[in-house]
N, C-alpha and C. Protein backbone atom coordinates (compact mmCIF):
# COMPACT_ATOMS: atom_id res chain seq x y z
N MET A 1 10.64 -6.45 -1.86
CA MET A 1 9.63 -5.49 -1.48
C MET A 1 8.25 -6.15 -1.42
N MET A 2 7.90 -6.91 -2.42
CA MET A 2 6.56 -7.51 -2.45
C MET A 2 6.62 -8.92 -1.86
N ARG A 3 6.93 -8.97 -0.58
CA ARG A 3 7.07 -10.25 0.11
C ARG A 3 5.69 -10.83 0.42
N PRO A 4 5.42 -12.04 0.00
CA PRO A 4 4.12 -12.66 0.32
C PRO A 4 4.09 -13.13 1.78
N TYR A 5 2.88 -13.16 2.33
CA TYR A 5 2.68 -13.60 3.71
C TYR A 5 1.52 -14.58 3.77
N ARG A 6 1.60 -15.46 4.77
CA ARG A 6 0.50 -16.38 5.07
C ARG A 6 0.20 -16.21 6.55
N PHE A 7 -1.04 -15.87 6.86
CA PHE A 7 -1.46 -15.69 8.24
C PHE A 7 -2.27 -16.90 8.65
N GLU A 8 -1.91 -17.47 9.80
CA GLU A 8 -2.61 -18.66 10.30
C GLU A 8 -3.14 -18.38 11.69
N HIS A 9 -4.42 -18.69 11.89
CA HIS A 9 -5.01 -18.55 13.22
C HIS A 9 -4.59 -19.77 14.04
N PRO A 10 -4.04 -19.56 15.25
CA PRO A 10 -3.51 -20.70 16.01
C PRO A 10 -4.57 -21.69 16.49
N ASN A 11 -5.81 -21.24 16.68
CA ASN A 11 -6.83 -22.14 17.22
C ASN A 11 -7.69 -22.76 16.13
N THR A 12 -8.14 -21.96 15.19
CA THR A 12 -9.06 -22.47 14.18
C THR A 12 -8.36 -22.95 12.91
N GLU A 13 -7.06 -22.71 12.81
CA GLU A 13 -6.26 -23.07 11.64
C GLU A 13 -6.77 -22.42 10.36
N GLU A 14 -7.51 -21.33 10.51
CA GLU A 14 -7.94 -20.56 9.35
C GLU A 14 -6.70 -19.89 8.75
N MET A 15 -6.71 -19.69 7.43
CA MET A 15 -5.54 -19.15 6.77
C MET A 15 -5.93 -18.02 5.82
N GLU A 16 -5.14 -16.94 5.83
CA GLU A 16 -5.30 -15.81 4.91
C GLU A 16 -3.97 -15.60 4.20
N LEU A 17 -4.02 -15.28 2.92
CA LEU A 17 -2.81 -15.07 2.13
C LEU A 17 -2.70 -13.63 1.67
N VAL A 18 -1.49 -13.12 1.66
CA VAL A 18 -1.16 -11.84 1.02
C VAL A 18 -0.14 -12.17 -0.05
N THR A 19 -0.54 -12.00 -1.30
CA THR A 19 0.30 -12.35 -2.43
C THR A 19 0.73 -11.08 -3.18
N ARG A 20 1.38 -11.26 -4.29
CA ARG A 20 1.79 -10.11 -5.10
C ARG A 20 0.57 -9.37 -5.64
N GLY A 21 -0.47 -10.09 -5.93
CA GLY A 21 -1.71 -9.45 -6.38
C GLY A 21 -2.31 -8.57 -5.28
N SER A 22 -2.10 -8.96 -4.03
CA SER A 22 -2.58 -8.15 -2.91
C SER A 22 -1.85 -6.82 -2.86
N TYR A 23 -0.55 -6.84 -3.16
CA TYR A 23 0.20 -5.60 -3.20
C TYR A 23 -0.32 -4.68 -4.30
N LEU A 24 -0.66 -5.25 -5.43
CA LEU A 24 -1.20 -4.46 -6.54
C LEU A 24 -2.56 -3.86 -6.16
N ALA A 25 -3.40 -4.66 -5.54
CA ALA A 25 -4.70 -4.16 -5.10
C ALA A 25 -4.54 -3.08 -4.03
N ALA A 26 -3.60 -3.28 -3.11
CA ALA A 26 -3.35 -2.29 -2.07
C ALA A 26 -2.82 -0.99 -2.65
N ALA A 27 -2.03 -1.08 -3.70
CA ALA A 27 -1.47 0.13 -4.32
C ALA A 27 -2.57 0.97 -4.95
N PHE A 28 -3.48 0.35 -5.67
CA PHE A 28 -4.49 1.10 -6.40
C PHE A 28 -5.76 1.37 -5.59
N LEU A 29 -6.07 0.51 -4.65
CA LEU A 29 -7.31 0.68 -3.89
C LEU A 29 -7.09 1.29 -2.51
N GLY A 30 -5.90 1.10 -1.94
CA GLY A 30 -5.54 1.70 -0.66
C GLY A 30 -6.52 1.38 0.46
N PRO A 31 -7.24 2.39 0.95
CA PRO A 31 -8.17 2.17 2.07
C PRO A 31 -9.28 1.17 1.76
N LEU A 32 -9.68 1.08 0.52
CA LEU A 32 -10.72 0.11 0.15
C LEU A 32 -10.22 -1.33 0.32
N TYR A 33 -8.93 -1.54 0.10
CA TYR A 33 -8.36 -2.87 0.32
C TYR A 33 -8.41 -3.24 1.79
N ILE A 34 -8.17 -2.27 2.65
CA ILE A 34 -8.26 -2.53 4.10
C ILE A 34 -9.69 -2.87 4.48
N MET A 35 -10.66 -2.19 3.90
CA MET A 35 -12.06 -2.53 4.17
C MET A 35 -12.40 -3.92 3.64
N TYR A 36 -11.86 -4.27 2.48
CA TYR A 36 -12.09 -5.60 1.91
C TYR A 36 -11.56 -6.69 2.83
N ARG A 37 -10.39 -6.45 3.40
CA ARG A 37 -9.78 -7.43 4.31
C ARG A 37 -10.41 -7.41 5.70
N LYS A 38 -11.26 -6.40 5.96
CA LYS A 38 -11.91 -6.24 7.27
C LYS A 38 -10.89 -6.13 8.39
N THR A 39 -9.88 -5.29 8.15
CA THR A 39 -8.83 -5.07 9.14
C THR A 39 -8.86 -3.62 9.60
N SER A 40 -8.08 -3.33 10.63
CA SER A 40 -8.00 -1.97 11.15
C SER A 40 -6.97 -1.18 10.35
N GLY A 41 -7.02 0.15 10.51
CA GLY A 41 -6.06 1.01 9.83
C GLY A 41 -6.65 1.76 8.66
N PHE A 42 -7.98 1.87 8.60
CA PHE A 42 -8.61 2.55 7.48
C PHE A 42 -8.25 4.03 7.46
N TRP A 43 -8.41 4.73 8.58
CA TRP A 43 -8.18 6.18 8.60
C TRP A 43 -6.72 6.56 8.38
N PRO A 44 -5.76 5.84 8.95
CA PRO A 44 -4.37 6.18 8.60
C PRO A 44 -4.07 5.99 7.12
N SER A 45 -4.70 5.00 6.50
CA SER A 45 -4.45 4.79 5.08
C SER A 45 -5.16 5.86 4.24
N VAL A 46 -6.30 6.36 4.71
CA VAL A 46 -6.96 7.48 4.01
C VAL A 46 -6.07 8.72 4.09
N LEU A 47 -5.51 8.96 5.27
CA LEU A 47 -4.62 10.10 5.44
C LEU A 47 -3.39 9.98 4.54
N LEU A 48 -2.82 8.80 4.47
CA LEU A 48 -1.67 8.60 3.59
C LEU A 48 -2.04 8.84 2.13
N THR A 49 -3.21 8.37 1.71
CA THR A 49 -3.65 8.58 0.33
C THR A 49 -3.80 10.07 0.03
N VAL A 50 -4.36 10.82 0.97
CA VAL A 50 -4.51 12.27 0.78
C VAL A 50 -3.15 12.94 0.70
N VAL A 51 -2.23 12.56 1.57
CA VAL A 51 -0.89 13.16 1.58
C VAL A 51 -0.15 12.83 0.28
N LEU A 52 -0.22 11.58 -0.16
CA LEU A 52 0.46 11.21 -1.40
C LEU A 52 -0.15 11.91 -2.61
N THR A 53 -1.46 12.03 -2.64
CA THR A 53 -2.10 12.75 -3.75
C THR A 53 -1.70 14.21 -3.74
N GLY A 54 -1.68 14.81 -2.57
CA GLY A 54 -1.22 16.20 -2.46
C GLY A 54 0.23 16.35 -2.87
N GLY A 55 1.05 15.38 -2.52
CA GLY A 55 2.45 15.41 -2.92
C GLY A 55 2.63 15.32 -4.43
N ILE A 56 1.84 14.48 -5.06
CA ILE A 56 1.91 14.36 -6.52
C ILE A 56 1.47 15.67 -7.18
N VAL A 57 0.37 16.22 -6.70
CA VAL A 57 -0.13 17.48 -7.27
C VAL A 57 0.88 18.61 -7.03
N GLY A 58 1.45 18.67 -5.83
CA GLY A 58 2.45 19.69 -5.54
C GLY A 58 3.69 19.53 -6.39
N PHE A 59 4.15 18.29 -6.56
CA PHE A 59 5.31 18.05 -7.41
C PHE A 59 5.02 18.46 -8.84
N TRP A 60 3.83 18.13 -9.31
CA TRP A 60 3.43 18.50 -10.67
C TRP A 60 3.43 20.01 -10.84
N ALA A 61 2.86 20.74 -9.86
CA ALA A 61 2.79 22.19 -9.96
C ALA A 61 4.18 22.83 -9.95
N VAL A 62 5.05 22.33 -9.09
CA VAL A 62 6.40 22.90 -9.01
C VAL A 62 7.23 22.51 -10.23
N SER A 63 7.10 21.27 -10.67
CA SER A 63 7.92 20.81 -11.79
C SER A 63 7.54 21.45 -13.11
N LEU A 64 6.30 21.91 -13.24
CA LEU A 64 5.91 22.60 -14.48
C LEU A 64 6.72 23.87 -14.69
N THR A 65 7.12 24.51 -13.63
CA THR A 65 7.86 25.76 -13.77
C THR A 65 9.36 25.54 -13.88
N PHE A 66 9.89 24.42 -13.37
CA PHE A 66 11.34 24.26 -13.31
C PHE A 66 11.90 23.19 -14.25
N LEU A 67 11.11 22.25 -14.67
CA LEU A 67 11.62 21.15 -15.49
C LEU A 67 11.23 21.31 -16.95
N SER A 68 12.07 20.78 -17.82
CA SER A 68 11.75 20.81 -19.24
C SER A 68 10.69 19.76 -19.55
N ASN A 69 10.12 19.84 -20.73
CA ASN A 69 9.05 18.90 -21.11
C ASN A 69 9.55 17.46 -21.15
N ARG A 70 10.76 17.25 -21.62
CA ARG A 70 11.30 15.89 -21.70
C ARG A 70 11.52 15.31 -20.31
N THR A 71 11.98 16.13 -19.41
CA THR A 71 12.20 15.66 -18.04
C THR A 71 10.87 15.36 -17.35
N LEU A 72 9.86 16.16 -17.65
CA LEU A 72 8.53 15.92 -17.08
C LEU A 72 7.97 14.56 -17.50
N LEU A 73 8.26 14.14 -18.73
CA LEU A 73 7.78 12.84 -19.21
C LEU A 73 8.35 11.68 -18.41
N ILE A 74 9.49 11.90 -17.79
CA ILE A 74 10.09 10.86 -16.97
C ILE A 74 9.74 11.04 -15.50
N ALA A 75 9.78 12.29 -15.04
CA ALA A 75 9.63 12.57 -13.61
C ALA A 75 8.21 12.31 -13.10
N LEU A 76 7.21 12.74 -13.82
CA LEU A 76 5.83 12.60 -13.32
C LEU A 76 5.39 11.14 -13.20
N PRO A 77 5.61 10.29 -14.21
CA PRO A 77 5.25 8.88 -14.00
C PRO A 77 6.07 8.22 -12.90
N ALA A 78 7.33 8.63 -12.76
CA ALA A 78 8.17 8.05 -11.71
C ALA A 78 7.63 8.41 -10.32
N VAL A 79 7.16 9.64 -10.15
CA VAL A 79 6.59 10.06 -8.87
C VAL A 79 5.32 9.28 -8.57
N VAL A 80 4.50 9.05 -9.56
CA VAL A 80 3.27 8.28 -9.36
C VAL A 80 3.60 6.84 -8.96
N VAL A 81 4.58 6.24 -9.62
CA VAL A 81 4.97 4.86 -9.29
C VAL A 81 5.50 4.78 -7.86
N VAL A 82 6.33 5.73 -7.47
CA VAL A 82 6.87 5.75 -6.11
C VAL A 82 5.73 5.91 -5.09
N ALA A 83 4.77 6.77 -5.38
CA ALA A 83 3.63 6.96 -4.47
C ALA A 83 2.81 5.67 -4.34
N LEU A 84 2.61 4.97 -5.44
CA LEU A 84 1.86 3.70 -5.39
C LEU A 84 2.63 2.65 -4.59
N MET A 85 3.94 2.63 -4.71
CA MET A 85 4.75 1.68 -3.95
C MET A 85 4.68 1.98 -2.45
N ILE A 86 4.72 3.27 -2.11
CA ILE A 86 4.62 3.66 -0.70
C ILE A 86 3.26 3.25 -0.14
N GLN A 87 2.20 3.53 -0.89
CA GLN A 87 0.85 3.19 -0.42
C GLN A 87 0.70 1.69 -0.28
N SER A 88 1.20 0.94 -1.23
CA SER A 88 1.08 -0.51 -1.18
C SER A 88 1.76 -1.09 0.04
N SER A 89 3.00 -0.69 0.30
CA SER A 89 3.71 -1.25 1.44
C SER A 89 3.08 -0.82 2.76
N PHE A 90 2.56 0.42 2.83
CA PHE A 90 1.90 0.88 4.05
C PHE A 90 0.62 0.09 4.32
N VAL A 91 -0.18 -0.13 3.32
CA VAL A 91 -1.45 -0.84 3.49
C VAL A 91 -1.20 -2.29 3.89
N ILE A 92 -0.25 -2.94 3.26
CA ILE A 92 0.06 -4.33 3.61
C ILE A 92 0.62 -4.40 5.03
N ARG A 93 1.41 -3.41 5.43
CA ARG A 93 1.91 -3.36 6.80
C ARG A 93 0.76 -3.22 7.79
N GLN A 94 -0.27 -2.42 7.43
CA GLN A 94 -1.44 -2.27 8.30
C GLN A 94 -2.18 -3.61 8.43
N VAL A 95 -2.32 -4.32 7.33
CA VAL A 95 -3.00 -5.63 7.37
C VAL A 95 -2.20 -6.61 8.22
N ARG A 96 -0.89 -6.64 8.02
CA ARG A 96 -0.03 -7.54 8.79
C ARG A 96 -0.10 -7.21 10.28
N ARG A 97 -0.07 -5.93 10.62
CA ARG A 97 -0.15 -5.51 12.02
C ARG A 97 -1.48 -5.94 12.63
N HIS A 98 -2.57 -5.82 11.88
CA HIS A 98 -3.89 -6.21 12.38
C HIS A 98 -3.91 -7.70 12.72
N PHE A 99 -3.42 -8.54 11.82
CA PHE A 99 -3.43 -9.97 12.09
C PHE A 99 -2.54 -10.33 13.27
N ARG A 100 -1.40 -9.69 13.39
CA ARG A 100 -0.51 -9.97 14.52
C ARG A 100 -1.16 -9.59 15.84
N ARG A 101 -1.83 -8.45 15.89
CA ARG A 101 -2.51 -8.03 17.13
C ARG A 101 -3.61 -9.00 17.53
N ARG A 102 -4.23 -9.62 16.56
CA ARG A 102 -5.30 -10.58 16.84
C ARG A 102 -4.76 -11.95 17.21
N GLY A 103 -3.44 -12.12 17.23
CA GLY A 103 -2.86 -13.39 17.64
C GLY A 103 -2.59 -14.37 16.52
N TRP A 104 -2.74 -13.94 15.28
CA TRP A 104 -2.47 -14.81 14.15
C TRP A 104 -0.96 -14.97 13.98
N LEU A 105 -0.55 -16.09 13.46
CA LEU A 105 0.86 -16.36 13.19
C LEU A 105 1.17 -15.92 11.76
N VAL A 106 2.30 -15.25 11.58
CA VAL A 106 2.72 -14.78 10.27
C VAL A 106 3.80 -15.72 9.76
N ARG A 107 3.56 -16.30 8.62
CA ARG A 107 4.49 -17.26 8.02
C ARG A 107 4.80 -16.87 6.58
N ALA A 108 5.93 -17.32 6.12
CA ALA A 108 6.24 -17.21 4.69
C ALA A 108 5.56 -18.39 4.00
N PRO A 109 4.93 -18.14 2.87
CA PRO A 109 4.22 -19.25 2.20
C PRO A 109 5.20 -20.31 1.71
N SER A 110 4.75 -21.53 1.76
CA SER A 110 5.61 -22.64 1.32
C SER A 110 5.20 -23.15 -0.04
């Protein structure tokens, strides 16, 4: 899931890395990580963040009425972790797509 990438510009030989730490930053910062990387895809990532936050709040509201307290202790953190994983992979995909559109080569780091 957390596959690292190395982006290389074919003309200038400039290089950008996406490491496991990038996935962690993308999970917690989301759209701000896209701004940090100066790539496109800010608004779709904002929309995803709003949808995931709404999903967590909705799950919390529904689960309070149907789940026991012990189950809530497992279910709520699990939902948050899944939401962070979804956001992380989406944001990194947006960064990768941006570099590919600009003509950069995507490589696995050596």
